[in-house]
Amino acid sequence: MIKKILILALVFATIISCKNKETEATSEVSENNSLSQILYYGGDIITMDGDIPQYVEAVIERDGKIIYAGDKANAVNNFAGKTVEVDLQGKTMLPSFIDPHSHFMSAVLMSTQVNVASPPMGDVTDIPSMIKKLEKFKEEKGIKDGEWIVGWGYDQDLLAEKRHITKMDLDKAFPNNKVLIVHISMHGGVLNSKALEWAEVDENYETPEGGVVARIEGTNEPAGLLMEMAYMPVFNKLPQPSEDEMMNLMKAAQMQYVSNGYTHAVEGFTHIKDMNTLKRAAKEGRFFIDIASLPGFNEMDKWLNNPEYPFGTYDNHLKFAGGKFTLDGSPQGLTAYMAEPYSVPGPNGEKNWVGNTSIPREELAKLAKTMVSNNVQIMFHANGDGAIEDAIYAIENAGIKAADDKRPIIIHSQFQKLEHLKKYVELGISPTYFTNHAFYWGDVHIRNVGLEKASFISPMKAANDLGIITSNHTDFNVTLLDPFFVMWTSMKRETRSGKILGGDQVIDAYAALQSLTTGPAYQFFEENRKGSIKKGLLADFVILDTNPLKVKDVDAIKDIKVVETIKEGKSVFKK
C-alpha cells in the first residue's frame, strides 16, 4: 500500500511539473508572438558582406535592425512571433545606397530655383533657350520686378555658343530683376547687372586671392562670371527662404534621395546658418534618412569644440561628420589647382594657367592639424593634382598614419598621379571618386589637360588594386542623383562623344556596388552600422527590378530602376 501511494505521488508530481513547463513555454511563445518582424525572401538578396558577391535566401528585420540573414528554412523555424512575409517576386534586394558626397541643402533649395542645365540633366542647349527657361520660371512663380531669379546647372561648354553667358545677355531679358545662374560646378555663377550691383562688384572691385572675376575685354568692368573666392561671399549672403519654409522643404529634398535608393545623404560644405537649420529639422523630427553634415573650415572658430555642435554621433538622423576644406575649384571651370599648366588659357585668357588654390599650403596644414588634434575627421575637396598634393601635405603634417585609422577623405580626387596612391596607402587616405566626370566632361578634360592626364581621372581600379577603400559620388546637384549612372560611368568610362577615357580603370559591377554601399559606410566610420546585410546592422534596403550583377550588357546598367527603398525597416519610397 505504501509503495502504491509513493508511486501515485510521484506520478502526480510529474504531471504538475509538466503542466508548469507547459505554462512557461506557452508564456514564452505568447511573448514572442507579440513581437513584430518582417521576413524578406523570394529574390536575389545581395549582402555586400565581403570582397566577392554573397547571397542569402532570407532576411528578417525587427525594430529597425537585421536580426537574421541566411537560409529561409532556418528563418521560418527559429523565429517565432508575428511575421509579415514579403515575397520579392524575383526582384533584387541589397543594402540601400549611401551617398558619399552631395549637397543636401542645395537639394532643399532646388524647388525655389530653375534647372538651366544641359542634357541629360536639363534641356538648355544655347543662350536663347536658357533665357526662355528663366522667363517661363519668372512667369510661373509670379516673380516680381526687384526680386531674385536663380538658376542652377549652367555649363558653358555645353552651350551652342561655346562661351560664358554675360550680364549683357541677362540684362536684355531681365533689366529689373537680380539674376544669378549657378555654375554646374557650384563654385561660381553668372550675375546680371542688378545682381552685381547688389553684390558690390564693379570696375573698382579687386579680385580676391583664390578668386576669378571675368572682365569685359579691354576694361576692368565685370562681365558677370564670378568663381571660387570671388563667388563665395555672394553665395553666403543670398536671400534664403524663411526657417519655417526651409522646414517644409525638407521632405521633398529627402524624397529625391530615397527615390534613387539612398537612405544616407551628405551636406557637403555646411555653413553655420545651415548647421542651425539642420539642427532644428532634426529636433522637429523631420529627417527620415540619415544626414551627414560637413561643416566648412572657414567657420571653424564657431563650431570647433562647441557643445552645440557635437561631432561623430547621430541625433534624430543628423550627424556632424567631419570638417571640410575646399582646396580648389572645378577642372571644367578651369579653376582646379594643377601642378602643371592647363593646355588652354585661363578663364580670362591667362597664359600658363594652373588654376586656383583656396588656402595656402602652410595655413591648410595648420588648420588640418587643429582639427585632427580635436578628434574631428578631416575631408578635402581636391580636384587638381596640385590640390591633391596640398591635401597629402596637410595630412602628413598632421602626423596621421594608416595605422591611426583616422580615415582622412579626399573628395573628388580627380587628377591623381600614380605616386599619390602610394601616399594614400601610407597615410590611410580614402578617396571618394567622381567617375560621372568621364561622361559629363571627359571630352572637355582632354581639351584642357591632354588625353594622358585626363585618362587617369578617378582611378578606381588602380586604387582598389592597392587595397584602398573607395566610394563614388554624384556631387548632386552637380550631376544627377542616379546610382546606376554612377555605376555605368565607373564600368564604362565613356565620354559624351563616345570615347573610352582610361579603359584600364574600369571596374566590375560588384566593385561599383561596393563604392555605393560598403565603401562610403567605411569612410563615415559606419561599417558596423550600415552598408551591408548582416545581423545587427540597420535594416536599410533597396529593392531593384534587376540584379546589377547579372546584367550582361554594361549599357543596360543605366536602365535599372528602384522599386522600393526601406529605412530601418520602414518603406520610405515605393514605385
Protein backbone atom coordinates (compact mmCIF):
# COMPACT_ATOMS: atom_id res chain seq x y z
CA MET A 1 0.00 0.00 0.00
CA ILE A 2 2.80 2.46 0.96
CA LYS A 3 4.59 1.61 -2.29
CA LYS A 4 1.42 2.38 -4.33
CA ILE A 5 0.96 5.69 -2.51
CA LEU A 6 4.57 6.69 -3.29
CA ILE A 7 4.13 5.79 -6.98
CA LEU A 8 0.90 7.83 -7.21
CA ALA A 9 2.58 10.78 -5.53
CA LEU A 10 5.48 10.61 -7.99
CA VAL A 11 3.09 10.47 -10.97
CA PHE A 12 1.11 13.44 -9.62
CA ALA A 13 4.30 15.47 -9.10
CA THR A 14 5.43 14.67 -12.63
CA ILE A 15 2.07 15.81 -14.05
CA ILE A 16 2.25 19.06 -12.08
CA SER A 17 5.84 19.62 -13.25
CA CYS A 18 4.89 19.09 -16.91
CA LYS A 19 1.93 21.46 -16.51
CA ASN A 20 4.28 24.13 -15.12
CA LYS A 21 6.74 23.66 -18.01
CA GLU A 22 3.87 23.84 -20.49
CA THR A 23 2.71 27.06 -18.85
CA GLU A 24 6.23 28.53 -19.03
CA ALA A 25 6.62 27.52 -22.67
CA THR A 26 3.21 28.90 -23.56
CA SER A 27 4.13 32.15 -21.83
CA GLU A 28 7.40 32.40 -23.81
CA VAL A 29 5.67 31.72 -27.13
CA SER A 30 2.98 34.21 -26.24
CA GLU A 31 5.65 36.82 -25.56
CA ASN A 32 7.38 36.05 -28.87
CA ASN A 33 4.07 36.21 -30.70
CA SER A 34 3.74 39.82 -29.56
CA LEU A 35 6.92 40.70 -31.47
CA SER A 36 6.58 42.13 -34.95
CA GLN A 37 9.08 41.39 -37.70
CA ILE A 38 9.37 41.34 -41.48
CA LEU A 39 10.71 38.39 -43.46
CA TYR A 40 12.08 39.12 -46.93
CA TYR A 41 12.58 36.25 -49.39
CA GLY A 42 11.89 35.16 -52.95
CA GLY A 43 14.56 37.12 -54.85
CA ASP A 44 18.28 37.72 -55.14
CA ILE A 45 19.43 39.16 -51.80
CA ILE A 46 22.98 40.50 -52.15
CA THR A 47 24.58 41.02 -48.73
CA MET A 48 27.61 43.08 -49.87
CA ASP A 49 29.42 41.36 -46.99
CA GLY A 50 32.87 40.51 -48.31
CA ASP A 51 35.05 41.05 -51.36
CA ILE A 52 33.05 38.69 -53.59
CA PRO A 53 29.28 38.54 -54.10
CA GLN A 54 27.40 36.71 -51.36
CA TYR A 55 23.69 35.85 -51.40
CA VAL A 56 21.22 34.76 -48.72
CA GLU A 57 17.73 33.34 -49.14
CA ALA A 58 16.04 35.34 -46.41
CA VAL A 59 16.42 38.38 -44.18
CA ILE A 60 14.42 39.22 -41.05
CA GLU A 61 14.02 42.78 -39.75
CA ARG A 62 12.83 43.66 -36.27
CA ASP A 63 12.80 47.09 -34.59
CA GLY A 64 14.70 48.64 -37.49
CA LYS A 65 17.60 46.18 -37.41
CA ILE A 66 18.55 42.97 -39.16
CA ILE A 67 18.15 40.01 -36.80
CA TYR A 68 18.74 37.26 -39.33
CA ALA A 69 20.30 36.74 -42.76
CA GLY A 70 20.54 33.20 -44.08
CA ASP A 71 18.53 30.21 -45.27
CA LYS A 72 14.77 30.61 -45.48
CA ALA A 73 14.11 27.30 -43.71
CA ASN A 74 16.03 28.41 -40.63
CA ALA A 75 14.33 31.80 -40.73
CA VAL A 76 10.87 30.20 -40.58
CA ASN A 77 11.77 27.59 -37.94
CA ASN A 78 13.78 29.67 -35.50
CA PHE A 79 11.92 32.94 -35.20
CA ALA A 80 8.53 32.87 -33.56
CA GLY A 81 6.33 35.93 -33.49
CA LYS A 82 4.04 37.93 -35.72
CA THR A 83 5.84 37.88 -39.06
CA VAL A 84 4.93 39.89 -42.12
CA GLU A 85 6.26 38.00 -45.12
CA VAL A 86 7.46 39.98 -48.13
CA ASP A 87 7.93 37.95 -51.30
CA LEU A 88 10.38 39.82 -53.53
CA GLN A 89 8.91 38.00 -56.54
CA GLY A 90 12.25 37.69 -58.27
CA LYS A 91 13.39 41.24 -57.64
CA THR A 92 16.79 42.04 -56.11
CA MET A 93 17.40 43.38 -52.61
CA LEU A 94 20.67 44.80 -51.31
CA PRO A 95 21.77 47.38 -48.73
CA SER A 96 20.42 50.82 -49.57
CA PHE A 97 22.84 53.22 -51.19
CA ILE A 98 24.99 55.57 -49.13
CA ASP A 99 25.71 58.96 -50.64
CA PRO A 100 29.44 59.66 -50.21
CA HIS A 101 29.23 63.30 -51.27
CA SER A 102 26.49 65.68 -52.36
CA HIS A 103 24.95 68.96 -51.25
CA PHE A 104 21.75 68.25 -49.34
CA MET A 105 20.99 71.91 -48.65
CA SER A 106 21.14 72.58 -52.39
CA ALA A 107 18.55 69.83 -52.82
CA VAL A 108 16.39 71.64 -50.25
CA LEU A 109 16.61 74.87 -52.27
CA MET A 110 16.11 73.31 -55.71
CA SER A 111 12.35 73.81 -55.57
CA THR A 112 12.94 77.57 -55.31
CA GLN A 113 15.27 77.64 -58.33
CA VAL A 114 15.07 76.71 -62.01
CA ASN A 115 17.03 74.00 -63.81
CA VAL A 116 19.11 75.59 -66.59
CA ALA A 117 21.31 72.53 -67.13
CA SER A 118 22.01 70.92 -70.49
CA PRO A 119 21.12 67.31 -71.43
CA PRO A 120 20.91 64.83 -69.80
CA MET A 121 20.32 66.90 -66.66
CA GLY A 122 18.15 69.51 -68.37
CA ASP A 123 17.09 70.81 -71.77
CA VAL A 124 19.08 74.04 -72.24
CA THR A 125 21.17 73.93 -75.42
CA ASP A 126 22.04 77.58 -76.07
CA ILE A 127 21.72 81.06 -74.55
CA PRO A 128 18.26 81.76 -76.05
CA SER A 129 16.84 78.51 -74.61
CA MET A 130 18.31 79.42 -71.22
CA ILE A 131 16.71 82.89 -71.32
CA LYS A 132 13.39 81.31 -72.31
CA LYS A 133 13.63 78.89 -69.36
CA LEU A 134 14.29 81.76 -66.95
CA GLU A 135 11.40 83.81 -68.38
CA LYS A 136 8.99 80.89 -68.01
CA PHE A 137 10.13 80.34 -64.42
CA LYS A 138 9.57 84.02 -63.60
CA GLU A 139 6.06 83.85 -65.01
CA GLU A 140 5.11 80.54 -63.34
CA LYS A 141 6.40 81.59 -59.93
CA GLY A 142 4.96 85.10 -60.16
CA ILE A 143 8.36 86.70 -59.50
CA LYS A 144 8.01 90.45 -59.35
CA ASP A 145 10.43 93.13 -60.52
CA GLY A 146 13.19 93.65 -57.97
CA GLU A 147 13.10 90.01 -56.81
CA TRP A 148 15.65 87.25 -57.41
CA ILE A 149 15.68 84.69 -60.21
CA VAL A 150 18.15 81.85 -59.55
CA GLY A 151 19.01 79.05 -61.97
CA TRP A 152 21.21 76.01 -61.37
CA GLY A 153 23.22 73.64 -63.56
CA TYR A 154 24.68 76.17 -66.02
CA ASP A 155 27.52 74.71 -68.15
CA GLN A 156 29.11 76.99 -70.74
CA ASP A 157 30.84 74.09 -72.50
CA LEU A 158 27.50 72.58 -73.48
CA LEU A 159 26.00 75.74 -74.98
CA ALA A 160 25.95 76.08 -78.75
CA GLU A 161 27.79 79.41 -78.41
CA LYS A 162 30.69 77.72 -76.55
CA ARG A 163 31.17 80.72 -74.30
CA HIS A 164 30.10 82.02 -70.92
CA ILE A 165 26.82 83.86 -70.74
CA THR A 166 27.35 87.51 -69.71
CA LYS A 167 25.48 90.14 -67.76
CA MET A 168 24.57 91.76 -71.08
CA ASP A 169 22.77 88.60 -72.21
CA LEU A 170 20.80 88.54 -68.97
CA ASP A 171 20.14 92.28 -68.76
CA LYS A 172 18.24 92.34 -72.05
CA ALA A 173 15.60 89.94 -70.70
CA PHE A 174 15.71 90.91 -67.02
CA PRO A 175 16.52 94.61 -66.62
CA ASN A 176 14.54 94.87 -63.37
CA ASN A 177 15.42 91.59 -61.59
CA LYS A 178 18.51 90.34 -59.84
CA VAL A 179 19.58 87.17 -61.70
CA LEU A 180 22.12 84.50 -60.71
CA ILE A 181 22.94 81.48 -62.87
CA VAL A 182 24.83 78.98 -60.68
CA HIS A 183 27.64 77.18 -62.50
CA ILE A 184 27.42 73.40 -62.77
CA SER A 185 30.50 73.10 -60.52
CA MET A 186 28.67 75.04 -57.77
CA HIS A 187 31.90 77.01 -57.41
CA GLY A 188 30.70 80.07 -59.24
CA GLY A 189 27.96 81.76 -61.20
CA VAL A 190 27.00 84.49 -63.61
CA LEU A 191 25.23 87.59 -62.27
CA ASN A 192 23.38 90.24 -64.22
CA SER A 193 23.94 93.98 -63.63
CA LYS A 194 21.32 94.26 -60.87
CA ALA A 195 22.83 91.32 -59.02
CA LEU A 196 26.39 92.62 -59.45
CA GLU A 197 25.29 95.98 -58.07
CA TRP A 198 23.73 94.20 -55.08
CA ALA A 199 26.99 92.24 -54.62
CA GLU A 200 29.01 95.46 -54.81
CA VAL A 201 31.14 94.10 -57.63
CA ASP A 202 32.08 96.81 -60.14
CA GLU A 203 35.12 98.04 -62.07
CA ASN A 204 36.80 99.03 -58.79
CA TYR A 205 36.34 95.57 -57.26
CA GLU A 206 39.66 93.82 -56.66
CA THR A 207 39.73 90.10 -57.43
CA PRO A 208 40.32 88.31 -54.10
CA GLU A 209 43.09 85.76 -53.70
CA GLY A 210 41.84 82.41 -54.94
CA GLY A 211 39.01 84.05 -56.90
CA VAL A 212 38.14 84.66 -60.55
CA VAL A 213 36.27 87.68 -61.92
CA ALA A 214 35.64 87.70 -65.66
CA ARG A 215 36.07 91.19 -67.15
CA ILE A 216 34.81 92.71 -70.39
CA GLU A 217 37.72 92.58 -72.80
CA GLY A 218 39.90 95.68 -72.67
CA THR A 219 38.25 97.02 -69.49
CA ASN A 220 38.06 96.33 -65.78
CA GLU A 221 34.27 96.09 -65.92
CA PRO A 222 32.89 92.76 -64.59
CA ALA A 223 31.33 90.63 -67.33
CA GLY A 224 29.16 88.66 -64.89
CA LEU A 225 31.12 85.48 -64.08
CA LEU A 226 32.44 85.11 -60.53
CA MET A 227 34.24 81.94 -59.43
CA GLU A 228 35.69 80.47 -56.25
CA MET A 229 36.63 83.01 -53.55
CA ALA A 230 35.02 85.83 -55.53
CA TYR A 231 31.75 83.87 -55.61
CA MET A 232 31.65 82.55 -52.05
CA PRO A 233 30.74 85.91 -50.38
CA VAL A 234 27.91 86.31 -52.91
CA PHE A 235 26.61 82.81 -52.24
CA ASN A 236 26.81 83.28 -48.48
CA LYS A 237 24.59 86.37 -48.43
CA LEU A 238 21.99 85.28 -50.98
CA PRO A 239 18.46 85.62 -49.59
CA GLN A 240 17.08 82.32 -48.34
CA PRO A 241 13.58 81.03 -47.64
CA SER A 242 12.42 81.59 -44.07
CA GLU A 243 13.24 78.98 -41.45
CA ASP A 244 9.65 77.76 -41.50
CA GLU A 245 9.75 77.46 -45.29
CA MET A 246 13.03 75.54 -45.05
CA MET A 247 11.42 73.06 -42.67
CA ASN A 248 8.62 72.45 -45.15
CA LEU A 249 11.14 71.77 -47.92
CA MET A 250 12.99 69.02 -46.03
CA LYS A 251 10.67 66.18 -47.08
CA ALA A 252 10.88 66.95 -50.80
CA ALA A 253 14.68 67.07 -50.58
CA GLN A 254 14.85 63.67 -48.89
CA MET A 255 12.45 62.17 -51.41
CA GLN A 256 14.95 62.97 -54.16
CA TYR A 257 17.41 60.66 -52.38
CA VAL A 258 15.11 57.79 -51.42
CA SER A 259 13.55 57.65 -54.90
CA ASN A 260 17.08 56.82 -56.07
CA GLY A 261 17.67 54.22 -53.34
CA TYR A 262 19.73 56.36 -50.93
CA THR A 263 18.98 56.38 -47.19
CA HIS A 264 22.05 58.44 -46.28
CA ALA A 265 22.71 61.92 -47.69
CA VAL A 266 25.64 64.29 -47.29
CA GLU A 267 25.57 68.06 -46.84
CA GLY A 268 28.95 68.66 -48.42
CA PHE A 269 30.02 72.08 -47.08
CA THR A 270 27.82 73.35 -44.27
CA HIS A 271 27.73 76.96 -43.14
CA ILE A 272 26.79 77.80 -39.56
CA LYS A 273 23.36 79.07 -40.58
CA ASP A 274 22.70 75.76 -42.33
CA MET A 275 24.05 73.77 -39.37
CA ASN A 276 21.41 75.51 -37.27
CA THR A 277 18.72 74.83 -39.85
CA LEU A 278 19.64 71.15 -39.90
CA LYS A 279 19.63 71.04 -36.09
CA ARG A 280 16.13 72.48 -35.99
CA ALA A 281 14.91 69.98 -38.60
CA ALA A 282 16.39 67.11 -36.58
CA LYS A 283 14.86 68.38 -33.35
CA GLU A 284 11.46 68.57 -35.03
CA GLY A 285 11.81 65.00 -36.32
CA ARG A 286 11.77 65.99 -39.98
CA PHE A 287 14.50 63.58 -41.11
CA PHE A 288 13.60 60.04 -42.12
CA ILE A 289 17.02 59.34 -43.67
CA ASP A 290 20.49 59.92 -42.22
CA ILE A 291 22.11 63.28 -42.95
CA ALA A 292 25.90 63.61 -42.59
CA SER A 293 26.93 67.26 -42.43
CA LEU A 294 30.45 68.53 -43.17
CA PRO A 295 30.92 71.95 -41.55
CA GLY A 296 33.22 74.28 -43.51
CA PHE A 297 36.74 75.17 -42.40
CA ASN A 298 36.11 78.90 -42.83
CA GLU A 299 33.82 78.93 -39.77
CA MET A 300 35.81 76.51 -37.64
CA ASP A 301 36.12 79.10 -34.88
CA LYS A 302 32.34 78.93 -34.43
CA TRP A 303 31.81 75.15 -34.37
CA LEU A 304 35.03 73.52 -33.16
CA ASN A 305 34.62 72.23 -29.58
CA ASN A 306 31.27 73.96 -29.36
CA PRO A 307 28.86 71.72 -27.40
CA GLU A 308 26.05 72.96 -29.65
CA TYR A 309 27.65 71.01 -32.50
CA PRO A 310 28.84 67.60 -31.27
CA PHE A 311 30.70 65.53 -33.88
CA GLY A 312 30.53 61.86 -34.73
CA THR A 313 27.14 60.84 -33.31
CA TYR A 314 23.60 60.87 -34.70
CA ASP A 315 20.82 62.90 -33.14
CA ASN A 316 17.47 62.22 -34.81
CA HIS A 317 19.23 61.18 -38.05
CA LEU A 318 21.64 64.15 -38.12
CA LYS A 319 25.39 63.79 -37.63
CA PHE A 320 28.15 66.38 -37.92
CA ALA A 321 30.63 64.01 -39.51
CA GLY A 322 33.84 65.92 -40.23
CA GLY A 323 35.45 69.24 -41.09
CA LYS A 324 35.53 70.17 -44.78
CA PHE A 325 38.30 72.01 -46.64
CA THR A 326 37.74 73.27 -50.17
CA LEU A 327 41.17 73.45 -51.78
CA ASP A 328 40.37 74.28 -55.40
CA GLY A 329 37.62 74.57 -57.97
CA SER A 330 36.48 72.51 -60.93
CA PRO A 331 38.55 71.27 -63.86
CA GLN A 332 35.74 72.00 -66.33
CA GLY A 333 35.63 75.55 -64.98
CA LEU A 334 39.46 75.81 -65.24
CA THR A 335 39.68 76.53 -61.51
CA ALA A 336 41.01 73.16 -60.33
CA TYR A 337 44.55 73.65 -59.00
CA MET A 338 47.05 71.83 -61.22
CA ALA A 339 50.69 71.02 -60.64
CA GLU A 340 51.43 71.91 -64.28
CA PRO A 341 49.65 74.46 -66.51
CA TYR A 342 46.48 73.65 -68.42
CA SER A 343 46.73 73.13 -72.17
CA VAL A 344 44.40 76.10 -72.67
CA PRO A 345 44.36 79.69 -71.33
CA GLY A 346 42.61 80.52 -68.06
CA PRO A 347 39.08 81.96 -67.70
CA ASN A 348 40.33 85.44 -68.53
CA GLY A 349 42.84 84.31 -71.15
CA GLU A 350 45.69 83.85 -68.65
CA LYS A 351 48.76 82.06 -70.01
CA ASN A 352 50.44 79.18 -68.15
CA TRP A 353 47.29 78.92 -66.07
CA VAL A 354 47.32 76.39 -63.20
CA GLY A 355 44.01 77.29 -61.56
CA ASN A 356 43.40 78.40 -58.02
CA THR A 357 44.20 77.20 -54.55
CA SER A 358 41.79 78.43 -51.89
CA ILE A 359 44.14 78.00 -48.91
CA PRO A 360 47.92 78.45 -48.82
CA ARG A 361 49.62 75.14 -48.07
CA GLU A 362 51.10 76.02 -44.66
CA GLU A 363 47.86 77.57 -43.45
CA LEU A 364 45.98 74.45 -44.58
CA ALA A 365 48.40 72.19 -42.71
CA LYS A 366 47.93 74.21 -39.52
CA LEU A 367 44.13 74.11 -39.73
CA ALA A 368 44.09 70.40 -40.53
CA LYS A 369 46.32 69.64 -37.56
CA THR A 370 43.97 71.62 -35.30
CA MET A 371 41.00 69.55 -36.44
CA VAL A 372 42.86 66.24 -36.03
CA SER A 373 44.10 67.13 -32.55
CA ASN A 374 40.46 67.83 -31.61
CA ASN A 375 39.27 64.45 -32.95
CA VAL A 376 37.47 65.83 -35.99
CA GLN A 377 37.71 63.76 -39.18
CA ILE A 378 39.25 65.83 -41.99
CA MET A 379 37.86 65.94 -45.51
CA PHE A 380 39.30 67.78 -48.51
CA HIS A 381 37.74 68.88 -51.78
CA ALA A 382 40.63 68.45 -54.22
CA ASN A 383 40.29 68.04 -57.99
CA GLY A 384 43.65 69.01 -59.45
CA ASP A 385 46.92 67.21 -58.77
CA GLY A 386 48.27 70.39 -57.15
CA ALA A 387 45.38 70.46 -54.69
CA ILE A 388 45.75 66.71 -54.03
CA GLU A 389 49.42 67.27 -53.20
CA ASP A 390 48.46 70.05 -50.78
CA ALA A 391 45.96 67.71 -49.08
CA ILE A 392 48.58 64.97 -48.77
CA TYR A 393 51.00 67.50 -47.28
CA ALA A 394 48.43 68.65 -44.71
CA ILE A 395 47.53 65.07 -43.72
CA GLU A 396 51.17 64.09 -43.40
CA ASN A 397 51.98 67.17 -41.33
CA ALA A 398 49.07 66.40 -39.02
CA GLY A 399 51.02 63.26 -38.07
CA ILE A 400 48.50 60.80 -39.47
CA LYS A 401 49.48 57.27 -40.49
CA ALA A 402 47.27 54.49 -41.82
CA ALA A 403 47.58 52.58 -38.53
CA ASP A 404 45.95 55.51 -36.69
CA ASP A 405 42.66 54.81 -38.51
CA LYS A 406 41.79 58.50 -38.84
CA ARG A 407 40.37 57.97 -42.35
CA PRO A 408 41.02 61.35 -43.96
CA ILE A 409 38.90 61.67 -47.08
CA ILE A 410 39.86 63.36 -50.35
CA ILE A 411 36.66 64.25 -52.17
CA HIS A 412 36.74 64.04 -56.00
CA SER A 413 40.47 63.20 -56.03
CA GLN A 414 40.28 63.54 -59.80
CA PHE A 415 43.58 64.32 -61.46
CA GLN A 416 45.75 61.97 -59.49
CA LYS A 417 49.19 60.73 -60.22
CA LEU A 418 50.07 57.10 -59.56
CA GLU A 419 52.56 58.12 -56.86
CA HIS A 420 49.72 59.82 -54.96
CA LEU A 421 48.08 56.44 -54.41
CA LYS A 422 51.15 55.14 -52.62
CA LYS A 423 50.79 58.05 -50.19
CA TYR A 424 47.10 57.21 -49.78
CA VAL A 425 48.10 53.73 -48.61
CA GLU A 426 50.78 55.05 -46.26
CA LEU A 427 48.55 57.70 -44.67
CA GLY A 428 45.26 55.80 -44.72
CA ILE A 429 43.59 58.26 -47.12
CA SER A 430 40.30 57.12 -48.62
CA PRO A 431 39.11 58.86 -51.82
CA THR A 432 35.53 59.37 -52.90
CA TYR A 433 35.74 59.46 -56.68
CA PHE A 434 33.54 61.13 -59.28
CA THR A 435 33.51 58.93 -62.38
CA ASN A 436 30.50 60.80 -63.78
CA HIS A 437 33.12 63.29 -64.97
CA ALA A 438 34.22 60.80 -67.63
CA PHE A 439 30.87 61.22 -69.35
CA TYR A 440 29.88 64.78 -68.49
CA TRP A 441 33.26 66.47 -69.06
CA GLY A 442 35.66 63.82 -70.34
CA ASP A 443 35.94 65.48 -73.75
CA VAL A 444 36.45 68.87 -72.05
CA HIS A 445 39.21 67.41 -69.87
CA ILE A 446 41.02 66.02 -72.92
CA ARG A 447 40.99 69.52 -74.39
CA ASN A 448 42.03 71.18 -71.13
CA VAL A 449 44.79 68.86 -69.89
CA GLY A 450 45.51 66.34 -72.65
CA LEU A 451 44.47 62.71 -73.17
CA GLU A 452 47.08 61.07 -70.92
CA LYS A 453 46.29 63.13 -67.84
CA ALA A 454 42.53 63.04 -68.47
CA SER A 455 42.58 59.25 -68.76
CA PHE A 456 43.66 58.82 -65.14
CA ILE A 457 40.79 60.76 -63.55
CA SER A 458 39.09 58.87 -60.72
CA PRO A 459 41.43 55.85 -61.00
CA MET A 460 39.21 53.42 -59.10
CA LYS A 461 40.84 50.25 -60.44
CA ALA A 462 44.36 51.37 -59.53
CA ALA A 463 43.22 52.41 -56.03
CA ASN A 464 41.26 49.20 -55.42
CA ASP A 465 44.21 47.08 -56.58
CA LEU A 466 46.28 48.70 -53.81
CA GLY A 467 43.65 47.81 -51.21
CA ILE A 468 42.42 51.39 -50.86
CA ILE A 469 38.74 51.61 -49.89
CA THR A 470 36.94 53.92 -52.29
CA SER A 471 33.49 55.33 -52.92
CA ASN A 472 31.83 57.04 -55.89
CA HIS A 473 29.51 60.03 -55.80
CA THR A 474 27.29 62.33 -57.84
CA ASP A 475 28.12 65.67 -56.17
CA PHE A 476 24.37 66.31 -56.54
CA ASN A 477 23.17 68.68 -57.82
CA VAL A 478 26.30 68.93 -59.98
CA THR A 479 25.20 65.67 -61.67
CA LEU A 480 22.03 63.64 -61.42
CA LEU A 481 21.37 61.70 -58.22
CA ASP A 482 21.30 58.39 -60.11
CA PRO A 483 23.30 55.48 -58.65
CA PHE A 484 23.03 53.39 -61.81
CA PHE A 485 24.52 56.14 -63.94
CA VAL A 486 27.36 56.29 -61.40
CA MET A 487 27.82 52.53 -61.76
CA TRP A 488 27.79 52.81 -65.54
CA THR A 489 30.40 55.57 -65.68
CA SER A 490 32.72 53.54 -63.43
CA MET A 491 32.20 50.39 -65.54
CA LYS A 492 32.39 52.06 -68.97
CA ARG A 493 34.14 55.47 -68.63
CA GLU A 494 32.60 56.67 -71.88
CA THR A 495 32.57 60.36 -72.83
CA ARG A 496 29.74 62.24 -74.49
CA SER A 497 31.46 61.78 -77.84
CA GLY A 498 31.78 58.03 -77.33
CA LYS A 499 35.48 57.86 -76.42
CA ILE A 500 36.59 55.47 -73.67
CA LEU A 501 38.56 57.58 -71.21
CA GLY A 502 41.05 55.43 -69.32
CA GLY A 503 39.71 51.99 -70.18
CA ASP A 504 42.29 50.37 -67.89
CA GLN A 505 40.48 51.95 -64.91
CA VAL A 506 37.05 50.35 -65.45
CA ILE A 507 35.72 48.23 -62.58
CA ASP A 508 33.18 45.40 -62.43
CA ALA A 509 29.60 45.61 -61.16
CA TYR A 510 30.36 44.31 -57.67
CA ALA A 511 33.15 46.86 -57.13
CA ALA A 512 30.78 49.54 -58.45
CA LEU A 513 28.18 48.48 -55.86
CA GLN A 514 30.81 48.49 -53.12
CA SER A 515 31.55 52.12 -53.95
CA LEU A 516 27.90 52.95 -53.14
CA THR A 517 27.49 50.78 -50.03
CA THR A 518 30.40 49.37 -48.03
CA GLY A 519 32.89 51.98 -49.28
CA PRO A 520 31.06 55.08 -48.04
CA ALA A 521 29.97 53.25 -44.86
CA TYR A 522 33.66 52.77 -44.05
CA GLN A 523 34.52 56.37 -44.90
CA PHE A 524 31.93 57.64 -42.41
CA PHE A 525 33.03 55.14 -39.70
CA GLU A 526 29.68 53.36 -40.09
CA GLU A 527 30.66 49.93 -41.40
CA ASN A 528 29.29 48.38 -38.20
CA ARG A 529 26.00 50.23 -38.63
CA LYS A 530 25.10 50.14 -42.34
CA GLY A 531 26.31 49.29 -45.82
CA SER A 532 25.82 45.51 -45.79
CA ILE A 533 23.18 42.95 -44.87
CA LYS A 534 24.15 41.07 -41.74
CA LYS A 535 22.86 40.56 -38.23
CA GLY A 536 22.93 43.65 -36.02
CA LEU A 537 23.10 46.28 -38.76
CA LEU A 538 20.36 48.73 -39.69
CA ALA A 539 17.59 47.35 -41.89
CA ASP A 540 18.34 49.82 -44.69
CA PHE A 541 17.47 48.17 -48.01
CA VAL A 542 16.83 48.99 -51.64
CA ILE A 543 14.80 46.71 -53.92
CA LEU A 544 15.65 46.82 -57.63
CA ASP A 545 13.85 45.49 -60.68
CA THR A 546 17.07 43.88 -61.94
CA ASN A 547 20.18 42.34 -60.37
CA PRO A 548 23.12 44.58 -61.40
CA LEU A 549 25.49 41.62 -61.04
CA LYS A 550 23.60 39.65 -63.70
CA VAL A 551 23.33 42.37 -66.35
CA LYS A 552 25.41 41.24 -69.33
CA ASP A 553 25.35 44.50 -71.31
CA VAL A 554 27.10 47.26 -69.37
CA ASP A 555 24.94 49.90 -71.04
CA ALA A 556 21.83 48.22 -69.58
CA ILE A 557 23.04 49.11 -66.06
CA LYS A 558 21.63 52.61 -66.68
CA ASP A 559 18.13 51.15 -67.15
CA ILE A 560 17.84 49.55 -63.69
CA LYS A 561 15.03 51.02 -61.58
CA VAL A 562 14.46 51.40 -57.86
CA VAL A 563 11.26 49.60 -56.85
CA GLU A 564 11.33 50.37 -53.12
CA THR A 565 13.60 51.98 -50.53
CA ILE A 566 13.46 50.90 -46.88
CA LYS A 567 14.98 52.82 -43.97
CA GLU A 568 15.29 50.97 -40.66
CA GLY A 569 12.50 48.59 -41.63
CA LYS A 570 10.09 51.27 -42.86
CA SER A 571 9.24 51.80 -46.51
CA VAL A 572 10.14 55.39 -47.42
CA PHE A 573 9.69 55.09 -51.19
CA LYS A 574 7.69 52.70 -53.32
CA LYS A 575 7.21 52.96 -57.05
